Amino acid sequence: MISAGGGTNSALLMKIMASVLERPLFVSPVNEAAALGAAMLAASAIGWFASAEDAAKAMAAAPARRVDPDMTLVPAYRARKAIYRDLYHATRDIHARLGAI
């Protein structure tokens, strides 16, 4: 899994994310990931590349570092993730109703 954008500048956030997801994260050196993605789409749209996939292959940067989960934190995050999942399902209709207002 590759993580990109300004939030990747926080080592703590990346460690938390890797631990919550229970897998290593490969961190892109690109802070402006949305702008790079837009440039990839634009480059393919004007014909510089045959497809968005080709543009991505040519323009993407290799990950700068790897962040591994902290296995001592995984059990606590796993328990909280189960609670979050239940909360999400229990409140999903409420969020849809709020979004419709």
C-alpha atoms as a PDB file:
ATOM      1  CA  MET A   1       0.000   0.000   0.000  1.00  0.00           C
ATOM      2  CA  ILE A   2       1.393   3.398  -0.970  1.00  0.00           C
ATOM      3  CA  SER A   3       0.686   6.493   1.077  1.00  0.00           C
ATOM      4  CA  ALA A   4       1.053   9.954  -0.467  1.00  0.00           C
ATOM      5  CA  GLY A   5       0.336  13.567   0.343  1.00  0.00           C
ATOM      6  CA  GLY A   6       1.149  16.048   3.059  1.00  0.00           C
ATOM      7  CA  GLY A   7       0.061  13.771   5.893  1.00  0.00           C
ATOM      8  CA  THR A   8       2.963  11.480   5.117  1.00  0.00           C
ATOM      9  CA  ASN A   9       5.276  14.098   6.657  1.00  0.00           C
ATOM     10  CA  SER A  10       4.075  12.953  10.082  1.00  0.00           C
ATOM     11  CA  ALA A  11       6.045   9.893  11.175  1.00  0.00           C
ATOM     12  CA  LEU A  12       3.545   9.334  13.997  1.00  0.00           C
ATOM     13  CA  LEU A  13       0.553   9.353  11.642  1.00  0.00           C
ATOM     14  CA  MET A  14       2.268   6.902   9.288  1.00  0.00           C
ATOM     15  CA  LYS A  15       3.111   4.577  12.203  1.00  0.00           C
ATOM     16  CA  ILE A  16      -0.510   4.718  13.397  1.00  0.00           C
ATOM     17  CA  MET A  17      -1.851   4.052   9.877  1.00  0.00           C
ATOM     18  CA  ALA A  18       0.492   1.105   9.323  1.00  0.00           C
ATOM     19  CA  SER A  19      -0.505  -0.323  12.706  1.00  0.00           C
ATOM     20  CA  VAL A  20      -4.251   0.173  12.136  1.00  0.00           C
ATOM     21  CA  LEU A  21      -4.036  -1.351   8.644  1.00  0.00           C
ATOM     22  CA  GLU A  22      -1.745  -4.116   9.935  1.00  0.00           C
ATOM     23  CA  ARG A  23       0.554  -3.838   6.937  1.00  0.00           C
ATOM     24  CA  PRO A  24       3.588  -1.891   5.840  1.00  0.00           C
ATOM     25  CA  LEU A  25       3.107   1.436   4.122  1.00  0.00           C
ATOM     26  CA  PHE A  26       5.379   2.611   1.357  1.00  0.00           C
ATOM     27  CA  VAL A  27       5.563   6.395   1.543  1.00  0.00           C
ATOM     28  CA  SER A  28       5.714   8.456  -1.636  1.00  0.00           C
ATOM     29  CA  PRO A  29       8.067  11.441  -1.666  1.00  0.00           C
ATOM     30  CA  VAL A  30       5.304  13.459  -3.390  1.00  0.00           C
ATOM     31  CA  ASN A  31       3.540  15.880  -1.040  1.00  0.00           C
ATOM     32  CA  GLU A  32       1.190  17.245  -3.712  1.00  0.00           C
ATOM     33  CA  ALA A  33      -0.272  13.891  -4.739  1.00  0.00           C
ATOM     34  CA  ALA A  34      -3.594  15.348  -5.929  1.00  0.00           C
ATOM     35  CA  ALA A  35      -1.809  17.782  -8.245  1.00  0.00           C
ATOM     36  CA  LEU A  36       0.390  15.002  -9.607  1.00  0.00           C
ATOM     37  CA  GLY A  37      -2.670  12.825 -10.238  1.00  0.00           C
ATOM     38  CA  ALA A  38      -4.362  15.707 -12.070  1.00  0.00           C
ATOM     39  CA  ALA A  39      -1.237  16.194 -14.167  1.00  0.00           C
ATOM     40  CA  MET A  40      -1.205  12.492 -15.033  1.00  0.00           C
ATOM     41  CA  LEU A  41      -4.837  12.629 -16.158  1.00  0.00           C
ATOM     42  CA  ALA A  42      -4.241  15.828 -18.135  1.00  0.00           C
ATOM     43  CA  ALA A  43      -1.164  14.389 -19.839  1.00  0.00           C
ATOM     44  CA  SER A  44      -3.118  11.340 -20.947  1.00  0.00           C
ATOM     45  CA  ALA A  45      -6.133  13.463 -21.995  1.00  0.00           C
ATOM     46  CA  ILE A  46      -4.061  15.596 -24.365  1.00  0.00           C
ATOM     47  CA  GLY A  47      -2.348  12.571 -25.858  1.00  0.00           C
ATOM     48  CA  TRP A  48       1.089  12.741 -24.275  1.00  0.00           C
ATOM     49  CA  PHE A  49       0.436   9.212 -23.018  1.00  0.00           C
ATOM     50  CA  ALA A  50      -1.830   6.487 -24.393  1.00  0.00           C
ATOM     51  CA  SER A  51      -3.601   6.064 -21.057  1.00  0.00           C
ATOM     52  CA  ALA A  52      -3.726   7.338 -17.499  1.00  0.00           C
ATOM     53  CA  GLU A  53      -1.931   4.148 -16.463  1.00  0.00           C
ATOM     54  CA  ASP A  54       0.947   4.918 -18.856  1.00  0.00           C
ATOM     55  CA  ALA A  55       1.146   8.475 -17.518  1.00  0.00           C
ATOM     56  CA  ALA A  56       1.223   7.165 -13.952  1.00  0.00           C
ATOM     57  CA  LYS A  57       4.017   4.721 -14.784  1.00  0.00           C
ATOM     58  CA  ALA A  58       6.076   7.510 -16.338  1.00  0.00           C
ATOM     59  CA  MET A  59       5.387  10.255 -13.804  1.00  0.00           C
ATOM     60  CA  ALA A  60       5.125   8.477 -10.454  1.00  0.00           C
ATOM     61  CA  ALA A  61       8.025   8.573  -8.014  1.00  0.00           C
ATOM     62  CA  ALA A  62       9.287   5.465  -6.279  1.00  0.00           C
ATOM     63  CA  PRO A  63       8.427   5.244  -2.576  1.00  0.00           C
ATOM     64  CA  ALA A  64      10.919   7.071  -0.378  1.00  0.00           C
ATOM     65  CA  ARG A  65      10.556   4.896   2.704  1.00  0.00           C
ATOM     66  CA  ARG A  66       8.733   2.001   4.299  1.00  0.00           C
ATOM     67  CA  VAL A  67       6.821   2.224   7.573  1.00  0.00           C
ATOM     68  CA  ASP A  68       6.086  -1.038   9.353  1.00  0.00           C
ATOM     69  CA  PRO A  69       3.254  -1.596  11.839  1.00  0.00           C
ATOM     70  CA  ASP A  70       4.082  -1.470  15.523  1.00  0.00           C
ATOM     71  CA  MET A  71       2.981  -4.972  16.459  1.00  0.00           C
ATOM     72  CA  THR A  72       2.671  -4.007  20.129  1.00  0.00           C
ATOM     73  CA  LEU A  73      -0.116  -1.572  19.151  1.00  0.00           C
ATOM     74  CA  VAL A  74      -1.972  -3.794  16.676  1.00  0.00           C
ATOM     75  CA  PRO A  75      -4.204  -5.571  19.247  1.00  0.00           C
ATOM     76  CA  ALA A  76      -5.458  -2.275  20.684  1.00  0.00           C
ATOM     77  CA  TYR A  77      -6.150  -0.832  17.235  1.00  0.00           C
ATOM     78  CA  ARG A  78      -7.827  -4.065  16.137  1.00  0.00           C
ATOM     79  CA  ALA A  79     -10.261  -3.910  19.082  1.00  0.00           C
ATOM     80  CA  ARG A  80     -11.054  -0.262  18.387  1.00  0.00           C
ATOM     81  CA  LYS A  81     -11.450  -0.923  14.668  1.00  0.00           C
ATOM     82  CA  ALA A  82     -14.182  -3.473  15.425  1.00  0.00           C
ATOM     83  CA  ILE A  83     -16.005  -0.893  17.555  1.00  0.00           C
ATOM     84  CA  TYR A  84     -15.607   1.746  14.839  1.00  0.00           C
ATOM     85  CA  ARG A  85     -17.027  -0.657  12.240  1.00  0.00           C
ATOM     86  CA  ASP A  86     -20.104  -1.232  14.425  1.00  0.00           C
ATOM     87  CA  LEU A  87     -20.512   2.522  14.970  1.00  0.00           C
ATOM     88  CA  TYR A  88     -20.204   3.192  11.263  1.00  0.00           C
ATOM     89  CA  HIS A  89     -22.929   0.674  10.373  1.00  0.00           C
ATOM     90  CA  ALA A  90     -25.164   1.900  13.197  1.00  0.00           C
ATOM     91  CA  THR A  91     -24.946   5.561  12.112  1.00  0.00           C
ATOM     92  CA  ARG A  92     -24.644   5.274   8.326  1.00  0.00           C
ATOM     93  CA  ASP A  93     -28.337   6.127   7.739  1.00  0.00           C
ATOM     94  CA  ILE A  94     -28.080   9.140  10.038  1.00  0.00           C
ATOM     95  CA  HIS A  95     -25.119  10.469   8.033  1.00  0.00           C
ATOM     96  CA  ALA A  96     -27.066   9.975   4.786  1.00  0.00           C
ATOM     97  CA  ARG A  97     -30.002  11.903   6.246  1.00  0.00           C
ATOM     98  CA  LEU A  98     -27.690  14.724   7.375  1.00  0.00           C
ATOM     99  CA  GLY A  99     -26.138  14.855   3.910  1.00  0.00           C
ATOM    100  CA  ALA A 100     -29.561  15.215   2.294  1.00  0.00           C
ATOM    101  CA  ILE A 101     -30.448  18.372   4.232  1.00  0.00           C
END
